[in-house]
Amino acid sequence: IGLGLLCLFALPATAQNHTFDHIASENTWVWSATTPLGSLVGVPDHNFEVEGPTSANLSGTPFTNGEVLNGNLTMTTDLAGYIPGPFGIHLADITVTDLTFSVSTPAFTVDSAGDFNTDWTVTVISGTLTVTPLGSSASATDLTGTSGPPTPNPGSVTVDSTGQVVLHSDQSATFSFVDAGTGISADFTITGTLHGTGGP
């Protein structure tokens, strides 16, 4: 009976905060964007990398529960593209510069293999969208605070051979933008790998 009472009133393991370092070479992404005028063509392409820290609470040994709290992930290059028109003209040139974003999740359960599924929210910390329509001057929009809807993505938290905790997730997120100056709207999608190592 005493053992049963101990099990009944046992408290869950206390969550421990972990900081993960994401290096650019392990965090490669691609972007795409569609507008009412057509899809964007990337210049020089649609590839980019991100780097920076994320923070998560993890509990259990091995891990049984977790929550990604925030991040400060910076794109290592600015993004550029254009909306193509007839005869090779650009209907509009578009850039996204100095973009930094955070990721977060609600609390989730981790299985015995270290895998989990949860909703991820990507929120822009800073960045500027600039649209230059054909024959018009540029219009800039501050993207700070822009976020996409929570999106289900898989992930894992494991321990590597060196004892480092590894956070990994294959990510996809979509934002909807409207340039304040021109009224041009766009659905902007980023897809890639979120991979970081760290510890308490």
Protein backbone atom coordinates (compact mmCIF):
# COMPACT_ATOMS: atom_id res chain seq x y z
CA ILE A 1 0.00 0.00 0.00
CA GLY A 2 2.82 2.39 0.87
CA LEU A 3 4.42 1.89 -2.55
CA GLY A 4 1.07 2.48 -4.21
CA LEU A 5 0.63 5.77 -2.38
CA LEU A 6 4.12 6.85 -3.43
CA CYS A 7 3.25 6.18 -7.07
CA LEU A 8 -0.08 7.93 -6.77
CA PHE A 9 1.38 11.11 -5.36
CA ALA A 10 4.68 11.12 -7.27
CA LEU A 11 5.36 14.47 -8.92
CA PRO A 12 6.46 14.68 -12.58
CA ALA A 13 10.14 15.29 -13.26
CA THR A 14 11.09 18.95 -13.07
CA ALA A 15 11.65 20.49 -16.49
CA GLN A 16 15.18 21.67 -17.21
CA ASN A 17 15.96 24.49 -19.62
CA HIS A 18 18.24 23.70 -22.57
CA THR A 19 19.81 26.15 -24.99
CA PHE A 20 20.49 24.83 -28.49
CA ASP A 21 23.01 26.28 -30.94
CA HIS A 22 21.98 26.15 -34.59
CA ILE A 23 24.82 26.55 -37.09
CA ALA A 24 24.18 27.64 -40.65
CA SER A 25 25.62 24.57 -42.40
CA GLU A 26 23.16 22.28 -40.56
CA ASN A 27 20.11 24.53 -40.98
CA THR A 28 19.42 24.84 -44.70
CA TRP A 29 16.05 26.10 -45.93
CA VAL A 30 14.21 27.06 -49.13
CA TRP A 31 11.59 29.73 -49.69
CA SER A 32 8.75 30.25 -52.13
CA ALA A 33 6.16 32.97 -52.57
CA THR A 34 2.98 33.41 -54.57
CA THR A 35 1.12 36.63 -55.36
CA PRO A 36 -1.99 37.49 -57.39
CA LEU A 37 0.42 38.54 -60.15
CA GLY A 38 2.33 35.24 -60.15
CA SER A 39 4.98 33.30 -58.25
CA LEU A 40 8.31 34.87 -57.34
CA VAL A 41 11.54 33.86 -59.06
CA GLY A 42 14.44 33.74 -56.59
CA VAL A 43 17.63 35.74 -57.14
CA PRO A 44 20.02 34.00 -57.33
CA ASP A 45 17.91 31.06 -56.06
CA HIS A 46 15.47 30.08 -53.32
CA ASN A 47 17.99 28.75 -50.80
CA PHE A 48 19.05 30.22 -47.47
CA GLU A 49 20.52 29.18 -44.11
CA VAL A 50 19.72 30.20 -40.54
CA GLU A 51 21.81 30.34 -37.38
CA GLY A 52 21.35 31.27 -33.74
CA PRO A 53 20.02 29.87 -30.45
CA THR A 54 16.73 28.33 -29.40
CA SER A 55 15.53 27.55 -25.88
CA ALA A 56 13.45 24.56 -24.73
CA ASN A 57 12.31 22.99 -21.48
CA LEU A 58 12.79 19.21 -21.32
CA SER A 59 11.95 16.76 -18.56
CA GLY A 60 12.43 13.06 -17.93
CA THR A 61 15.35 10.63 -18.30
CA PRO A 62 15.15 9.77 -21.12
CA PHE A 63 13.09 12.76 -22.21
CA THR A 64 9.33 12.36 -21.83
CA ASN A 65 8.03 15.93 -22.16
CA GLY A 66 9.16 19.18 -23.72
CA GLU A 67 8.29 22.66 -24.88
CA VAL A 68 10.19 24.94 -27.28
CA LEU A 69 10.05 28.37 -25.67
CA ASN A 70 11.67 30.77 -28.14
CA GLY A 71 14.56 31.37 -30.48
CA ASN A 72 16.63 34.02 -32.20
CA LEU A 73 17.30 32.58 -35.64
CA THR A 74 18.87 34.84 -38.25
CA MET A 75 18.92 34.32 -42.00
CA THR A 76 22.55 34.46 -43.09
CA THR A 77 21.62 36.08 -46.41
CA ASP A 78 18.87 38.46 -47.48
CA LEU A 79 16.18 37.09 -49.76
CA ALA A 80 15.48 38.54 -53.19
CA GLY A 81 13.12 37.75 -56.02
CA TYR A 82 10.87 39.19 -58.68
CA ILE A 83 7.46 38.66 -60.23
CA PRO A 84 8.10 37.87 -63.90
CA GLY A 85 6.12 39.55 -66.65
CA PRO A 86 5.97 39.24 -70.44
CA PHE A 87 9.08 39.78 -72.56
CA GLY A 88 11.36 39.28 -69.54
CA ILE A 89 10.24 42.35 -67.60
CA HIS A 90 9.94 42.37 -63.82
CA LEU A 91 6.45 43.31 -62.66
CA ALA A 92 7.92 43.88 -59.20
CA ASP A 93 11.21 43.30 -57.42
CA ILE A 94 10.90 42.08 -53.84
CA THR A 95 13.47 41.72 -51.05
CA VAL A 96 13.33 40.55 -47.44
CA THR A 97 16.27 41.95 -45.48
CA ASP A 98 17.72 41.52 -41.98
CA LEU A 99 15.20 38.80 -41.10
CA THR A 100 15.33 37.20 -37.65
CA PHE A 101 12.61 34.89 -36.36
CA SER A 102 11.64 32.85 -33.32
CA VAL A 103 10.07 29.40 -33.02
CA SER A 104 7.83 28.13 -30.23
CA THR A 105 5.54 25.22 -29.41
CA PRO A 106 3.01 24.23 -26.77
CA ALA A 107 4.01 21.50 -24.32
CA PHE A 108 4.41 18.10 -26.02
CA THR A 109 5.01 14.45 -25.15
CA VAL A 110 8.20 12.66 -26.27
CA ASP A 111 8.07 8.93 -27.06
CA SER A 112 10.66 6.33 -26.10
CA ALA A 113 12.63 6.94 -29.33
CA GLY A 114 12.84 10.69 -28.66
CA ASP A 115 10.27 11.61 -31.30
CA PHE A 116 7.39 14.06 -30.94
CA ASN A 117 4.75 15.86 -32.99
CA THR A 118 3.48 19.31 -32.12
CA ASP A 119 2.33 22.64 -33.54
CA TRP A 120 5.14 25.11 -34.24
CA THR A 121 4.68 28.87 -34.49
CA VAL A 122 7.21 31.00 -36.35
CA THR A 123 7.23 34.70 -35.42
CA VAL A 124 9.30 37.42 -37.06
CA ILE A 125 11.47 39.30 -34.54
CA SER A 126 12.76 41.80 -37.09
CA GLY A 127 12.98 42.25 -40.83
CA THR A 128 11.91 44.45 -43.71
CA LEU A 129 9.89 43.62 -46.83
CA THR A 130 10.63 45.95 -49.75
CA VAL A 131 8.52 45.94 -52.93
CA THR A 132 9.52 47.90 -56.03
CA PRO A 133 6.79 47.71 -58.69
CA LEU A 134 7.62 48.28 -62.35
CA GLY A 135 7.92 52.01 -62.96
CA SER A 136 7.31 52.95 -59.30
CA SER A 137 9.37 53.73 -56.25
CA ALA A 138 10.15 51.21 -53.52
CA SER A 139 7.80 50.62 -50.59
CA ALA A 140 9.07 49.14 -47.30
CA THR A 141 7.05 47.21 -44.70
CA ASP A 142 8.29 46.33 -41.20
CA LEU A 143 7.65 42.61 -40.63
CA THR A 144 8.22 42.67 -36.86
CA GLY A 145 5.58 40.62 -35.06
CA THR A 146 4.34 38.83 -38.18
CA SER A 147 3.60 35.17 -37.53
CA GLY A 148 2.17 32.26 -39.39
CA PRO A 149 -0.57 29.98 -38.03
CA PRO A 150 0.57 27.10 -35.78
CA THR A 151 1.75 24.33 -38.10
CA PRO A 152 2.16 20.64 -37.17
CA ASN A 153 5.73 19.47 -37.72
CA PRO A 154 7.55 16.39 -36.39
CA GLY A 155 10.66 16.64 -34.22
CA SER A 156 13.04 14.73 -31.98
CA VAL A 157 15.19 15.28 -28.90
CA THR A 158 18.03 12.80 -28.45
CA VAL A 159 21.48 12.57 -26.86
CA ASP A 160 24.47 12.07 -29.18
CA SER A 161 27.66 10.09 -28.54
CA THR A 162 29.35 13.12 -26.94
CA GLY A 163 26.53 13.64 -24.45
CA GLN A 164 25.11 16.68 -26.23
CA VAL A 165 21.34 17.00 -26.50
CA VAL A 166 20.17 17.30 -30.12
CA LEU A 167 16.96 19.07 -31.19
CA HIS A 168 15.86 18.30 -34.75
CA SER A 169 12.73 19.15 -36.72
CA ASP A 170 11.78 19.27 -40.39
CA GLN A 171 9.95 22.59 -40.60
CA SER A 172 7.41 24.26 -42.85
CA ALA A 173 5.69 27.58 -42.16
CA THR A 174 3.65 30.02 -44.25
CA PHE A 175 3.16 33.77 -43.74
CA SER A 176 0.73 36.09 -45.50
CA PHE A 177 2.07 39.58 -46.25
CA VAL A 178 0.48 42.71 -47.65
CA ASP A 179 2.82 45.52 -48.68
CA ALA A 180 1.36 48.69 -47.20
CA GLY A 181 2.57 50.96 -49.99
CA THR A 182 1.58 48.98 -53.08
CA GLY A 183 -1.17 46.69 -51.76
CA ILE A 184 0.62 43.68 -53.27
CA SER A 185 -0.13 40.57 -51.17
CA ALA A 186 1.97 37.41 -50.96
CA ASP A 187 1.90 34.00 -49.33
CA PHE A 188 5.48 33.30 -48.26
CA THR A 189 6.49 29.72 -47.35
CA ILE A 190 9.75 28.59 -45.74
CA THR A 191 10.70 24.91 -45.52
CA GLY A 192 13.84 23.43 -44.04
CA THR A 193 15.78 21.78 -41.26
CA LEU A 194 15.93 23.03 -37.69
CA HIS A 195 18.89 21.25 -36.08
CA GLY A 196 20.71 22.31 -32.95
CA THR A 197 22.88 20.88 -30.18
CA GLY A 198 23.36 22.02 -26.64
CA GLY A 199 22.57 21.36 -23.03
CA PRO A 200 21.43 22.85 -19.76
